[in-house]
N, C-alpha and C. Protein backbone atom coordinates (compact mmCIF):
# COMPACT_ATOMS: atom_id res chain seq x y z
N UNK A 1 73.97 14.50 10.19
CA UNK A 1 73.03 13.93 11.15
C UNK A 1 71.63 14.44 10.83
N UNK A 2 70.69 13.52 10.84
CA UNK A 2 69.31 13.93 10.56
C UNK A 2 68.63 14.42 11.84
N UNK A 3 67.80 15.42 11.65
CA UNK A 3 67.02 15.95 12.76
C UNK A 3 65.80 16.65 12.21
N UNK A 4 64.81 16.79 13.07
CA UNK A 4 63.61 17.54 12.70
C UNK A 4 63.19 18.36 13.92
N UNK A 5 62.84 19.61 13.67
CA UNK A 5 62.40 20.52 14.74
C UNK A 5 60.91 20.79 14.55
N UNK A 6 60.14 20.53 15.60
CA UNK A 6 58.69 20.69 15.55
C UNK A 6 58.23 21.57 16.70
N UNK A 7 57.06 22.18 16.55
CA UNK A 7 56.49 23.01 17.61
C UNK A 7 55.78 22.12 18.62
N UNK A 8 55.90 22.51 19.88
CA UNK A 8 55.17 21.83 20.94
C UNK A 8 53.71 22.30 20.90
N UNK A 9 52.84 21.48 21.45
CA UNK A 9 51.41 21.79 21.48
C UNK A 9 50.98 21.90 22.94
N UNK A 10 50.24 22.95 23.23
CA UNK A 10 49.74 23.18 24.58
C UNK A 10 48.37 22.58 24.77
N UNK A 11 47.67 23.06 25.77
CA UNK A 11 46.33 22.53 26.07
C UNK A 11 45.31 22.93 25.00
N UNK A 12 44.15 22.36 25.12
CA UNK A 12 43.05 22.69 24.21
C UNK A 12 42.75 24.18 24.31
N UNK A 13 42.49 24.81 23.17
CA UNK A 13 42.25 26.26 23.15
C UNK A 13 40.95 26.59 23.88
N UNK A 14 40.88 27.80 24.42
CA UNK A 14 39.69 28.25 25.14
C UNK A 14 38.47 28.25 24.21
N UNK A 15 38.68 28.67 22.96
CA UNK A 15 37.57 28.71 22.01
C UNK A 15 37.00 27.30 21.80
N UNK A 16 37.88 26.34 21.65
CA UNK A 16 37.43 24.97 21.43
C UNK A 16 36.66 24.44 22.64
N UNK A 17 37.17 24.72 23.84
CA UNK A 17 36.48 24.30 25.06
C UNK A 17 35.11 24.95 25.17
N UNK A 18 35.05 26.26 24.86
CA UNK A 18 33.78 26.99 24.95
C UNK A 18 32.76 26.45 23.95
N UNK A 19 33.22 26.13 22.75
CA UNK A 19 32.31 25.59 21.73
C UNK A 19 31.75 24.25 22.17
N UNK A 20 32.61 23.38 22.72
CA UNK A 20 32.14 22.07 23.17
C UNK A 20 31.18 22.20 24.35
N UNK A 21 31.47 23.11 25.27
CA UNK A 21 30.57 23.32 26.41
C UNK A 21 29.22 23.86 25.94
N UNK A 22 29.25 24.81 25.00
CA UNK A 22 28.01 25.36 24.47
C UNK A 22 27.19 24.28 23.75
N UNK A 23 27.87 23.40 23.03
CA UNK A 23 27.17 22.30 22.36
C UNK A 23 26.52 21.37 23.35
N UNK A 24 27.22 21.08 24.44
CA UNK A 24 26.67 20.23 25.49
C UNK A 24 25.45 20.88 26.15
N UNK A 25 25.54 22.17 26.42
CA UNK A 25 24.41 22.91 27.00
C UNK A 25 23.21 22.86 26.04
N UNK A 26 23.47 23.05 24.75
CA UNK A 26 22.40 23.00 23.76
C UNK A 26 21.70 21.64 23.72
N UNK A 27 22.49 20.58 23.82
CA UNK A 27 21.90 19.23 23.82
C UNK A 27 21.05 19.01 25.08
N UNK A 28 21.55 19.46 26.22
CA UNK A 28 20.79 19.32 27.48
C UNK A 28 19.49 20.12 27.40
N UNK A 29 19.57 21.35 26.87
CA UNK A 29 18.37 22.17 26.72
C UNK A 29 17.36 21.50 25.79
N UNK A 30 17.84 20.90 24.72
CA UNK A 30 16.96 20.21 23.80
C UNK A 30 16.25 19.05 24.50
N UNK A 31 17.02 18.28 25.28
CA UNK A 31 16.43 17.16 26.02
C UNK A 31 15.40 17.63 27.03
N UNK A 32 15.72 18.72 27.74
CA UNK A 32 14.79 19.29 28.71
C UNK A 32 13.53 19.80 28.01
N UNK A 33 13.71 20.46 26.86
CA UNK A 33 12.57 20.95 26.08
C UNK A 33 11.71 19.80 25.58
N UNK A 34 12.36 18.72 25.14
CA UNK A 34 11.63 17.54 24.67
C UNK A 34 10.78 16.95 25.79
N UNK A 35 11.38 16.87 26.99
CA UNK A 35 10.66 16.34 28.14
C UNK A 35 9.46 17.23 28.49
N UNK A 36 9.67 18.55 28.52
CA UNK A 36 8.57 19.48 28.81
C UNK A 36 7.47 19.38 27.75
N UNK A 37 7.88 19.24 26.48
CA UNK A 37 6.92 19.12 25.39
C UNK A 37 6.07 17.85 25.56
N UNK A 38 6.69 16.75 25.94
CA UNK A 38 5.95 15.49 26.14
C UNK A 38 5.01 15.57 27.34
N UNK A 39 5.37 16.42 28.31
CA UNK A 39 4.50 16.60 29.49
C UNK A 39 3.38 17.60 29.21
N UNK A 40 3.37 18.19 28.00
CA UNK A 40 2.29 19.08 27.61
C UNK A 40 2.52 20.55 27.88
N UNK A 41 3.71 20.94 28.27
CA UNK A 41 4.00 22.34 28.49
C UNK A 41 4.36 23.00 27.16
N UNK A 42 3.71 24.13 26.81
CA UNK A 42 3.97 24.76 25.52
C UNK A 42 5.40 25.33 25.43
N UNK A 43 5.97 25.66 26.57
CA UNK A 43 7.33 26.20 26.58
C UNK A 43 8.35 25.17 26.09
N UNK A 44 8.03 23.89 26.22
CA UNK A 44 8.93 22.81 25.81
C UNK A 44 9.25 22.86 24.33
N UNK A 45 8.23 23.10 23.52
CA UNK A 45 8.44 23.16 22.07
C UNK A 45 9.33 24.35 21.70
N UNK A 46 9.12 25.48 22.35
CA UNK A 46 9.94 26.67 22.09
C UNK A 46 11.40 26.40 22.49
N UNK A 47 11.58 25.74 23.63
CA UNK A 47 12.91 25.40 24.10
C UNK A 47 13.61 24.43 23.14
N UNK A 48 12.85 23.50 22.59
CA UNK A 48 13.41 22.57 21.60
C UNK A 48 13.92 23.30 20.38
N UNK A 49 13.14 24.24 19.87
CA UNK A 49 13.53 25.00 18.67
C UNK A 49 14.78 25.85 18.95
N UNK A 50 14.80 26.53 20.09
CA UNK A 50 15.96 27.36 20.45
C UNK A 50 17.21 26.49 20.59
N UNK A 51 17.08 25.36 21.29
CA UNK A 51 18.22 24.47 21.50
C UNK A 51 18.71 23.87 20.19
N UNK A 52 17.79 23.47 19.31
CA UNK A 52 18.18 22.91 18.01
C UNK A 52 18.94 23.96 17.19
N UNK A 53 18.47 25.20 17.22
CA UNK A 53 19.17 26.28 16.53
C UNK A 53 20.57 26.48 17.12
N UNK A 54 20.64 26.44 18.45
CA UNK A 54 21.89 26.63 19.17
C UNK A 54 22.90 25.53 18.80
N UNK A 55 22.47 24.28 18.79
CA UNK A 55 23.34 23.16 18.44
C UNK A 55 23.78 23.27 16.98
N UNK A 56 22.87 23.64 16.09
CA UNK A 56 23.21 23.81 14.67
C UNK A 56 24.26 24.92 14.49
N UNK A 57 24.10 26.00 15.24
CA UNK A 57 25.06 27.11 15.17
C UNK A 57 26.45 26.65 15.64
N UNK A 58 26.49 25.91 16.73
CA UNK A 58 27.76 25.39 17.26
C UNK A 58 28.42 24.46 16.24
N UNK A 59 27.62 23.60 15.63
CA UNK A 59 28.16 22.68 14.61
C UNK A 59 28.71 23.47 13.43
N UNK A 60 28.03 24.52 13.03
CA UNK A 60 28.49 25.36 11.93
C UNK A 60 29.83 26.02 12.27
N UNK A 61 29.97 26.51 13.51
CA UNK A 61 31.23 27.13 13.93
C UNK A 61 32.36 26.11 13.90
N UNK A 62 32.10 24.88 14.38
CA UNK A 62 33.12 23.83 14.36
C UNK A 62 33.53 23.50 12.93
N UNK A 63 32.57 23.41 12.03
CA UNK A 63 32.87 23.09 10.63
C UNK A 63 33.66 24.23 9.99
N UNK A 64 33.27 25.46 10.24
CA UNK A 64 33.99 26.62 9.70
C UNK A 64 35.42 26.66 10.23
N UNK A 65 35.60 26.42 11.52
CA UNK A 65 36.96 26.38 12.09
C UNK A 65 37.80 25.29 11.44
N UNK A 66 37.19 24.14 11.19
CA UNK A 66 37.90 23.03 10.55
C UNK A 66 38.31 23.43 9.13
N UNK A 67 37.39 24.03 8.38
CA UNK A 67 37.68 24.44 7.01
C UNK A 67 38.74 25.55 6.93
N UNK A 68 38.73 26.43 7.94
CA UNK A 68 39.72 27.52 7.99
C UNK A 68 41.07 27.04 8.54
N UNK A 69 41.12 25.79 9.02
CA UNK A 69 42.36 25.24 9.53
C UNK A 69 42.72 25.69 10.93
N UNK A 70 41.74 26.11 11.70
CA UNK A 70 42.01 26.54 13.08
C UNK A 70 42.10 25.28 13.95
N UNK A 71 43.26 25.02 14.55
CA UNK A 71 43.43 23.80 15.35
C UNK A 71 42.68 23.88 16.68
N UNK A 72 42.39 22.70 17.22
CA UNK A 72 41.66 22.64 18.49
C UNK A 72 42.58 22.89 19.69
N UNK A 73 43.88 22.69 19.50
CA UNK A 73 44.83 22.90 20.59
C UNK A 73 45.77 24.04 20.23
N UNK A 74 46.41 24.62 21.24
CA UNK A 74 47.29 25.77 21.05
C UNK A 74 48.65 25.31 20.55
N UNK A 75 49.10 25.86 19.42
CA UNK A 75 50.44 25.57 18.90
C UNK A 75 51.39 26.59 19.51
N UNK A 76 52.35 26.11 20.28
CA UNK A 76 53.24 27.00 21.02
C UNK A 76 54.46 27.37 20.19
N UNK A 77 55.17 28.41 20.62
CA UNK A 77 56.39 28.81 19.93
C UNK A 77 57.58 27.95 20.38
N UNK A 78 57.45 27.25 21.51
CA UNK A 78 58.50 26.35 21.99
C UNK A 78 58.65 25.19 21.01
N UNK A 79 59.85 24.65 20.93
CA UNK A 79 60.10 23.58 19.97
C UNK A 79 60.68 22.34 20.63
N UNK A 80 60.58 21.25 19.90
CA UNK A 80 61.22 19.99 20.26
C UNK A 80 62.03 19.55 19.05
N UNK A 81 63.26 19.11 19.29
CA UNK A 81 64.15 18.66 18.23
C UNK A 81 64.39 17.16 18.39
N UNK A 82 64.02 16.39 17.38
CA UNK A 82 64.23 14.95 17.41
C UNK A 82 65.48 14.61 16.59
N UNK A 83 66.38 13.85 17.19
CA UNK A 83 67.60 13.36 16.54
C UNK A 83 67.72 11.87 16.88
N UNK A 84 68.49 11.11 16.11
CA UNK A 84 68.62 9.68 16.41
C UNK A 84 69.22 9.39 17.79
N UNK A 85 70.01 10.31 18.35
CA UNK A 85 70.67 10.08 19.64
C UNK A 85 70.05 10.83 20.81
N UNK A 86 69.15 11.78 20.52
CA UNK A 86 68.58 12.59 21.62
C UNK A 86 67.31 13.29 21.16
N UNK A 87 66.54 13.69 22.18
CA UNK A 87 65.38 14.55 21.97
C UNK A 87 65.64 15.79 22.81
N UNK A 88 65.58 16.96 22.18
CA UNK A 88 65.84 18.20 22.89
C UNK A 88 64.55 19.01 22.94
N UNK A 89 64.05 19.22 24.17
CA UNK A 89 62.85 20.02 24.38
C UNK A 89 63.31 21.32 25.00
N UNK A 90 63.26 22.40 24.20
CA UNK A 90 63.82 23.69 24.61
C UNK A 90 65.28 23.47 25.01
N UNK A 91 65.61 23.55 26.28
CA UNK A 91 67.01 23.38 26.71
C UNK A 91 67.23 22.04 27.41
N UNK A 92 66.20 21.26 27.53
CA UNK A 92 66.29 19.96 28.20
C UNK A 92 66.61 18.88 27.18
N UNK A 93 67.59 18.04 27.49
CA UNK A 93 68.04 17.01 26.56
C UNK A 93 67.72 15.62 27.12
N UNK A 94 67.07 14.80 26.32
CA UNK A 94 66.78 13.41 26.68
C UNK A 94 67.64 12.53 25.78
N UNK A 95 68.57 11.80 26.37
CA UNK A 95 69.43 10.90 25.60
C UNK A 95 68.65 9.63 25.26
N UNK A 96 68.72 9.19 24.01
CA UNK A 96 67.98 8.01 23.57
C UNK A 96 68.42 6.74 24.31
N UNK A 97 69.68 6.70 24.75
CA UNK A 97 70.18 5.51 25.45
C UNK A 97 69.51 5.33 26.82
N UNK A 98 68.90 6.38 27.35
CA UNK A 98 68.21 6.27 28.64
C UNK A 98 66.74 5.86 28.49
N UNK A 99 66.30 5.65 27.24
CA UNK A 99 64.90 5.34 26.95
C UNK A 99 64.70 3.83 26.78
N UNK A 100 63.64 3.32 27.41
CA UNK A 100 63.27 1.90 27.26
C UNK A 100 62.18 1.73 26.20
N UNK A 101 61.18 2.66 26.20
CA UNK A 101 60.05 2.56 25.27
C UNK A 101 59.66 3.94 24.78
N UNK A 102 59.36 4.04 23.48
CA UNK A 102 58.71 5.23 22.91
C UNK A 102 57.40 4.74 22.29
N UNK A 103 56.30 5.29 22.78
CA UNK A 103 54.97 4.97 22.26
C UNK A 103 54.42 6.24 21.64
N UNK A 104 54.28 6.25 20.31
CA UNK A 104 53.90 7.47 19.60
C UNK A 104 52.60 7.28 18.81
N UNK A 105 51.73 8.28 18.93
CA UNK A 105 50.52 8.36 18.11
C UNK A 105 50.66 9.65 17.31
N UNK A 106 50.73 9.52 15.98
CA UNK A 106 51.05 10.70 15.17
C UNK A 106 50.19 10.76 13.91
N UNK A 107 49.83 12.00 13.53
CA UNK A 107 49.11 12.27 12.29
C UNK A 107 49.35 13.72 11.89
N UNK A 108 49.66 13.96 10.64
CA UNK A 108 49.90 15.32 10.16
C UNK A 108 48.58 16.02 9.84
N UNK A 109 48.65 17.33 9.70
CA UNK A 109 47.46 18.15 9.44
C UNK A 109 46.76 17.69 8.16
N UNK A 110 45.47 17.48 8.25
CA UNK A 110 44.62 17.02 7.15
C UNK A 110 44.94 15.60 6.69
N UNK A 111 45.74 14.88 7.48
CA UNK A 111 46.03 13.48 7.20
C UNK A 111 45.08 12.60 7.99
N UNK A 112 45.12 11.30 7.75
CA UNK A 112 44.23 10.39 8.47
C UNK A 112 44.55 10.36 9.96
N UNK A 113 43.54 10.50 10.78
CA UNK A 113 43.71 10.47 12.23
C UNK A 113 43.16 9.15 12.77
N UNK A 114 43.69 8.71 13.87
CA UNK A 114 43.24 7.49 14.54
C UNK A 114 43.31 6.28 13.62
N UNK A 115 44.25 6.28 12.68
CA UNK A 115 44.45 5.15 11.79
C UNK A 115 43.34 4.96 10.77
N UNK A 116 42.53 5.99 10.53
CA UNK A 116 41.41 5.87 9.60
C UNK A 116 41.32 7.12 8.72
N UNK A 117 41.15 6.90 7.43
CA UNK A 117 41.00 8.02 6.50
C UNK A 117 39.65 8.72 6.70
N UNK A 118 38.77 8.09 7.48
CA UNK A 118 37.45 8.66 7.76
C UNK A 118 37.56 9.94 8.60
N UNK A 119 38.58 10.01 9.46
CA UNK A 119 38.79 11.16 10.32
C UNK A 119 40.06 11.89 9.90
N UNK A 120 39.99 13.22 9.80
CA UNK A 120 41.16 14.01 9.45
C UNK A 120 41.72 14.69 10.69
N UNK A 121 43.03 14.71 10.78
CA UNK A 121 43.72 15.31 11.92
C UNK A 121 43.91 16.80 11.70
N UNK A 122 43.96 17.57 12.79
CA UNK A 122 44.35 18.98 12.68
C UNK A 122 45.84 19.14 12.99
N UNK A 123 46.54 18.02 13.17
CA UNK A 123 47.98 18.03 13.37
C UNK A 123 48.44 18.31 14.79
N UNK A 124 47.49 18.55 15.71
CA UNK A 124 47.88 18.93 17.07
C UNK A 124 47.75 17.80 18.10
N UNK A 125 47.22 16.67 17.71
CA UNK A 125 47.00 15.59 18.68
C UNK A 125 48.09 14.53 18.65
N UNK A 126 49.31 14.93 18.34
CA UNK A 126 50.43 14.01 18.30
C UNK A 126 51.02 13.87 19.70
N UNK A 127 51.09 12.64 20.16
CA UNK A 127 51.56 12.38 21.51
C UNK A 127 52.66 11.33 21.45
N UNK A 128 53.74 11.61 22.16
CA UNK A 128 54.83 10.65 22.29
C UNK A 128 55.05 10.41 23.78
N UNK A 129 54.85 9.18 24.18
CA UNK A 129 55.09 8.81 25.57
C UNK A 129 56.47 8.16 25.64
N UNK A 130 57.32 8.70 26.49
CA UNK A 130 58.68 8.20 26.64
C UNK A 130 58.79 7.55 28.01
N UNK A 131 59.18 6.27 28.01
CA UNK A 131 59.39 5.54 29.27
C UNK A 131 60.87 5.24 29.39
N UNK A 132 61.45 5.67 30.51
CA UNK A 132 62.89 5.50 30.74
C UNK A 132 63.18 4.15 31.38
N UNK A 133 64.46 3.78 31.40
CA UNK A 133 64.89 2.52 32.03
C UNK A 133 64.51 2.48 33.51
N UNK A 134 64.49 3.63 34.19
CA UNK A 134 64.14 3.66 35.61
C UNK A 134 62.62 3.82 35.83
N UNK A 135 61.83 3.59 34.78
CA UNK A 135 60.35 3.60 34.79
C UNK A 135 59.72 4.99 34.90
N UNK A 136 60.52 6.08 34.90
CA UNK A 136 59.93 7.41 34.82
C UNK A 136 59.30 7.56 33.44
N UNK A 137 58.35 8.49 33.34
CA UNK A 137 57.69 8.73 32.06
C UNK A 137 57.62 10.21 31.74
N UNK A 138 57.69 10.53 30.47
CA UNK A 138 57.46 11.88 29.95
C UNK A 138 56.47 11.78 28.80
N UNK A 139 55.71 12.84 28.61
CA UNK A 139 54.80 12.92 27.47
C UNK A 139 55.14 14.17 26.68
N UNK A 140 55.29 14.01 25.37
CA UNK A 140 55.61 15.13 24.50
C UNK A 140 54.45 15.29 23.51
N UNK A 141 53.84 16.47 23.50
CA UNK A 141 52.77 16.79 22.54
C UNK A 141 53.35 17.75 21.52
N UNK A 142 53.20 17.45 20.24
CA UNK A 142 53.83 18.26 19.20
C UNK A 142 52.93 18.36 17.97
N UNK A 143 53.29 19.31 17.09
CA UNK A 143 52.49 19.63 15.91
C UNK A 143 53.18 19.12 14.65
N UNK A 144 52.45 18.38 13.83
CA UNK A 144 52.92 17.94 12.53
C UNK A 144 52.03 18.55 11.46
N UNK A 145 52.63 19.33 10.57
CA UNK A 145 51.83 19.98 9.54
C UNK A 145 51.83 19.22 8.21
N UNK A 146 52.93 18.54 7.90
CA UNK A 146 53.08 17.91 6.58
C UNK A 146 53.40 16.42 6.70
N UNK A 147 53.01 15.65 5.69
CA UNK A 147 53.31 14.22 5.68
C UNK A 147 54.81 13.99 5.65
N UNK A 148 55.56 14.89 5.03
CA UNK A 148 57.02 14.74 4.97
C UNK A 148 57.64 14.84 6.38
N UNK A 149 57.05 15.65 7.26
CA UNK A 149 57.53 15.74 8.64
C UNK A 149 57.30 14.42 9.37
N UNK A 150 56.14 13.83 9.14
CA UNK A 150 55.82 12.55 9.77
C UNK A 150 56.80 11.48 9.31
N UNK A 151 57.04 11.41 8.00
CA UNK A 151 57.97 10.40 7.46
C UNK A 151 59.37 10.59 8.01
N UNK A 152 59.83 11.84 8.10
CA UNK A 152 61.16 12.10 8.62
C UNK A 152 61.26 11.73 10.10
N UNK A 153 60.24 12.07 10.87
CA UNK A 153 60.24 11.73 12.29
C UNK A 153 60.24 10.21 12.48
N UNK A 154 59.44 9.50 11.69
CA UNK A 154 59.44 8.03 11.77
C UNK A 154 60.82 7.47 11.45
N UNK A 155 61.48 8.03 10.44
CA UNK A 155 62.82 7.59 10.05
C UNK A 155 63.82 7.83 11.19
N UNK A 156 63.77 9.00 11.80
CA UNK A 156 64.67 9.33 12.91
C UNK A 156 64.45 8.40 14.09
N UNK A 157 63.18 8.13 14.42
CA UNK A 157 62.89 7.23 15.54
C UNK A 157 63.36 5.80 15.25
N UNK A 158 63.19 5.35 14.02
CA UNK A 158 63.67 4.00 13.66
C UNK A 158 65.20 3.92 13.73
N UNK A 159 65.85 4.99 13.28
CA UNK A 159 67.31 5.05 13.36
C UNK A 159 67.76 5.03 14.83
N UNK A 160 67.07 5.78 15.68
CA UNK A 160 67.37 5.78 17.10
C UNK A 160 67.16 4.41 17.72
N UNK A 161 66.11 3.72 17.29
CA UNK A 161 65.83 2.37 17.78
C UNK A 161 66.97 1.42 17.40
N UNK A 162 67.46 1.52 16.17
CA UNK A 162 68.57 0.68 15.72
C UNK A 162 69.82 0.93 16.55
N UNK A 163 70.11 2.18 16.82
CA UNK A 163 71.33 2.54 17.55
C UNK A 163 71.27 2.20 19.03
N UNK A 164 70.08 2.38 19.64
CA UNK A 164 69.99 2.32 21.10
C UNK A 164 69.10 1.19 21.62
N UNK A 165 68.38 0.49 20.74
CA UNK A 165 67.65 -0.71 21.12
C UNK A 165 66.39 -0.52 21.95
N UNK A 166 65.81 0.67 21.99
CA UNK A 166 64.56 0.83 22.74
C UNK A 166 63.40 0.25 21.94
N UNK A 167 62.28 0.01 22.62
CA UNK A 167 61.08 -0.48 21.96
C UNK A 167 60.34 0.72 21.37
N UNK A 168 59.95 0.60 20.11
CA UNK A 168 59.27 1.70 19.41
C UNK A 168 57.88 1.23 19.01
N UNK A 169 56.88 1.93 19.50
CA UNK A 169 55.49 1.61 19.17
C UNK A 169 54.91 2.81 18.43
N UNK A 170 54.50 2.59 17.18
CA UNK A 170 53.90 3.69 16.39
C UNK A 170 52.62 3.21 15.75
C-alpha cells in the first residue's frame, strides 16, 4: 500500500509577522515623510530617508531568509499520513469513503507557487480542504519539501479518487 507521511504546518512564524509589520510601518513613515516634505517641513525629508532605509533593510532580511531557506510558517513535528483509503492526522483517522470533495493547493519547496514559475514556494503554503458527505469541512496545512513528495501525494489522491469516487480538485 502506498502512503506518504508529511509534517503539518502551523501559523505564520512570529519573525515573519514582525518583518511584515515593520515593512508596513516603514511604508507609512515614508508616506508621512513625503507629505511633510511637500508641505515644506524639513523633518519630512529626514523621515523619508529613515523610512526608505528601514524598508530596504526589511527587504534585505526577507531576501536573506528566502536564500537561507527559512520558511514563513512554522513546520511542526506533528505529521499527517496520506493513504488511498484514509488520511491520518496524528491519531485522528479520516476515511476516504466519507469524503465528498478534496480541494488541494500544493507546491514543494523552491518549486513554482500559485501555478507560476515566476513565484517560488517555501513549501509551507500547502492547503487541503476536505469536504465530507455531511457538508462538514476540515483544512489540512502541510509541508512539501521535494517534487517527488508532491508527485507521490498526487498519485495517492488520484488512487483514492478511483477507489472512493470523491471529487478531486488540484
